[in-house]
Protein backbone atom coordinates (compact mmCIF):
# COMPACT_ATOMS: atom_id res chain seq x y z
CA MET A 1 0.00 0.00 0.00
CA THR A 2 1.34 3.47 -0.82
CA PHE A 3 1.07 6.50 1.46
CA SER A 4 -1.55 8.14 -0.73
CA GLU A 5 -3.72 5.01 -0.70
CA GLY A 6 -3.59 4.75 3.07
CA GLY A 7 -4.55 8.37 3.61
CA ALA A 8 -1.35 9.16 5.50
CA GLY A 9 -0.24 11.83 3.04
CA LEU A 10 2.29 11.92 0.29
CA PRO A 11 5.82 10.77 0.95
CA ASP A 12 8.52 13.41 0.80
CA ALA A 13 12.30 13.36 0.56
CA TRP A 14 12.90 14.27 4.22
CA GLN A 15 14.60 11.83 6.53
CA ARG A 16 13.37 12.06 10.12
CA LEU A 17 15.54 12.25 13.20
CA TRP A 18 13.21 12.04 16.15
CA ALA A 19 14.07 14.06 19.26
CA PRO A 20 11.13 13.52 21.61
CA HIS A 21 13.01 15.09 24.53
CA ARG A 22 12.52 18.49 22.82
CA MET A 23 8.75 18.17 23.30
CA GLU A 24 9.13 18.81 27.03
CA TYR A 25 10.81 22.16 26.29
CA LEU A 26 8.14 23.01 23.74
CA LYS A 27 5.46 22.22 26.32
CA GLY A 28 7.07 24.61 28.78
CA GLU A 29 9.88 22.81 30.57
CA ASN A 30 12.06 25.50 32.18
CA ARG A 31 9.92 28.22 30.56
CA PRO A 32 7.34 30.36 32.30
CA LEU A 33 4.22 30.32 30.15
CA LYS A 34 0.70 31.53 30.86
CA ASP A 35 -0.45 27.89 31.17
CA ASN A 36 2.11 26.80 33.78
CA ASP A 37 3.63 27.99 37.04
CA VAL A 38 7.30 27.68 36.08
CA GLU A 39 9.52 30.28 37.73
CA CYS A 40 11.61 32.48 35.44
CA PRO A 41 14.80 30.48 34.87
CA PHE A 42 16.90 33.64 34.50
CA CYS A 43 15.78 34.80 37.96
CA ARG A 44 16.32 31.34 39.49
CA ILE A 45 19.74 30.58 37.96
CA PRO A 46 21.73 33.28 39.83
CA GLN A 47 20.51 31.86 43.16
CA LEU A 48 22.41 28.62 42.43
CA ASP A 49 26.13 27.98 42.58
CA ASP A 50 27.95 28.75 39.33
CA GLU A 51 28.90 25.19 38.44
CA SER A 52 25.47 23.61 38.85
CA ALA A 53 23.77 26.64 37.24
CA LEU A 54 26.26 26.55 34.32
CA ILE A 55 27.15 30.19 34.99
CA VAL A 56 30.40 31.17 33.31
CA ALA A 57 30.77 34.64 34.88
CA ARG A 58 28.90 37.16 37.02
CA GLY A 59 29.01 40.91 36.75
CA LYS A 60 27.29 43.56 38.88
CA THR A 61 24.08 43.78 36.83
CA ALA A 62 24.29 40.79 34.47
CA TYR A 63 25.70 37.28 34.18
CA VAL A 64 26.83 34.83 31.49
CA VAL A 65 25.35 31.31 31.40
CA MET A 66 25.43 28.30 29.09
CA ASN A 67 22.27 27.84 27.00
CA LEU A 68 20.57 24.55 27.98
CA TYR A 69 19.17 24.24 24.45
CA PRO A 70 22.20 25.34 22.37
CA TYR A 71 22.26 26.03 18.65
CA ASN A 72 26.01 25.41 18.66
CA ALA A 73 28.62 24.23 21.15
CA GLY A 74 29.47 27.10 23.49
CA HIS A 75 26.13 28.92 22.97
CA LEU A 76 25.99 31.48 25.78
CA LEU A 77 23.32 33.80 27.17
CA VAL A 78 24.06 37.15 28.78
CA CYS A 79 21.20 37.85 31.18
CA ALA A 80 20.35 40.87 33.28
CA PHE A 81 19.97 40.01 36.97
CA ARG A 82 16.91 42.25 37.07
CA HIS A 83 13.68 40.79 35.66
CA VAL A 84 12.91 43.11 32.74
CA ALA A 85 11.70 42.20 29.28
CA ASP A 86 12.88 44.87 26.91
CA LEU A 87 16.15 46.54 25.96
CA THR A 88 14.48 49.91 26.59
CA ASP A 89 13.76 48.83 30.20
CA LEU A 90 17.45 48.42 31.03
CA THR A 91 19.48 51.08 32.79
CA PRO A 92 22.53 52.44 30.95
CA GLU A 93 24.70 50.49 33.43
CA GLU A 94 22.88 47.22 32.59
CA ARG A 95 23.09 47.82 28.82
CA ASN A 96 26.79 48.63 29.07
CA GLU A 97 27.56 45.57 31.18
CA ILE A 98 25.63 43.25 28.84
CA SER A 99 27.66 44.69 25.98
CA ASP A 100 30.96 44.37 27.89
CA LEU A 101 30.20 40.79 28.96
CA THR A 102 29.28 39.92 25.37
CA ALA A 103 32.56 41.34 24.03
CA HIS A 104 34.59 39.49 26.68
CA ALA A 105 32.69 36.25 26.01
CA MET A 106 33.62 36.54 22.34
CA LYS A 107 37.30 36.86 23.28
CA VAL A 108 37.07 33.86 25.60
CA LEU A 109 35.29 31.73 22.98
CA ARG A 110 37.94 32.66 20.40
CA THR A 111 40.71 31.66 22.82
CA VAL A 112 39.18 28.55 24.39
CA SER A 113 37.27 27.03 21.48
CA HIS A 114 38.80 28.85 18.50
CA ALA A 115 35.47 30.29 17.31
CA SER A 116 35.93 32.13 14.04
CA GLY A 117 32.63 34.03 14.01
CA PHE A 118 29.49 34.71 16.03
CA ASN A 119 25.77 35.19 15.78
CA ILE A 120 24.77 37.67 18.48
CA GLY A 121 21.29 38.91 19.17
CA MET A 122 18.21 39.38 21.30
CA ASN A 123 14.69 38.22 20.57
CA GLN A 124 12.44 40.93 21.96
CA GLY A 125 8.96 39.56 22.66
CA ALA A 126 7.40 36.13 22.24
CA VAL A 127 6.46 36.78 18.60
CA SER A 128 10.14 37.32 17.78
CA GLY A 129 11.02 33.85 19.02
CA ALA A 130 12.00 34.60 22.61
CA GLY A 131 11.54 31.40 24.60
CA VAL A 132 11.62 33.42 27.84
CA ALA A 133 10.17 36.71 26.65
CA ASP A 134 9.78 38.40 30.03
CA HIS A 135 13.48 38.36 30.98
CA ILE A 136 15.94 40.00 28.62
CA HIS A 137 18.90 37.91 27.49
CA GLN A 138 21.37 38.14 24.64
CA HIS A 139 22.49 35.09 22.68
CA ILE A 140 26.12 34.54 21.74
CA VAL A 141 26.39 31.66 19.28
CA PRO A 142 29.96 30.79 18.29
CA ARG A 143 30.50 29.74 14.70
CA TRP A 144 33.21 27.83 12.84
CA ALA A 145 33.82 27.26 9.15
CA GLY A 146 31.85 24.16 8.21
CA ASP A 147 29.72 24.05 11.37
CA ALA A 148 26.62 24.01 9.19
CA ASN A 149 27.45 20.65 7.65
CA PHE A 150 25.01 17.94 6.61
CA MET A 151 23.78 17.19 10.14
CA PRO A 152 21.92 20.48 10.75
CA ILE A 153 21.09 21.05 7.11
CA ILE A 154 19.93 17.57 6.15
CA GLY A 155 19.60 15.82 9.51
CA GLN A 156 17.96 18.82 11.19
CA THR A 157 20.10 18.32 14.30
CA LYS A 158 23.26 19.68 15.90
CA VAL A 159 26.13 17.57 17.10
CA LEU A 160 27.60 18.99 20.30
CA PRO A 161 31.11 17.63 20.87
CA GLN A 162 31.26 18.25 24.61
CA LEU A 163 28.99 18.16 27.67
CA LEU A 164 27.63 21.56 28.73
CA SER A 165 29.29 21.22 32.14
CA GLN A 166 32.72 20.69 30.55
CA THR A 167 32.26 23.61 28.14
CA ARG A 168 31.18 25.76 31.09
CA ASN A 169 34.29 24.75 33.07
CA ASP A 170 36.59 25.53 30.14
CA LEU A 171 34.99 28.94 29.54
CA ALA A 172 34.89 29.84 33.25
CA GLN A 173 38.55 28.93 33.58
CA GLY A 174 39.41 31.07 30.55
CA TRP A 175 37.24 34.01 31.69
CA ASN A 176 39.75 35.63 34.05
CA THR A 177 42.88 35.04 32.00
CA ASP A 178 44.62 37.78 30.04
CA ILE A 179 43.08 37.65 26.61
């Protein structure tokens, strides 16, 4: 029996790599949504110790943490300590520190993991793709030549070569060195 005869739709050329663990995140795991009572992760994380929270560095008004759902190895988030949603809600001190931490993180990622480029940005509001829209955070995604090989393009998945905890340790160790 063919797909069209069985009413299951027409076959396509896509191969499927199932990642059912992602469904929990999509349903709200670690994300405060109107339908759940999950605490803001970016308010909760600084209350933990750096190693278990995957915090790489802390400043006065912001901190740097590993992304639990990374697009690439070494994907970092720079988060304000204060729970505000929008760039325009930040004080000049907070905006400057987020910028300074981002610049330093780029230097550390170049030194520790030899990143050759970066995607840096903020998703402002849920409609822009912000998974945690109510707490401002900036993404730092390191890039390397060839990192968009067949796995993410054809396989629709990323291969992360190291555990988040090990990447965090390497970056935290490199954070205070002369770069």
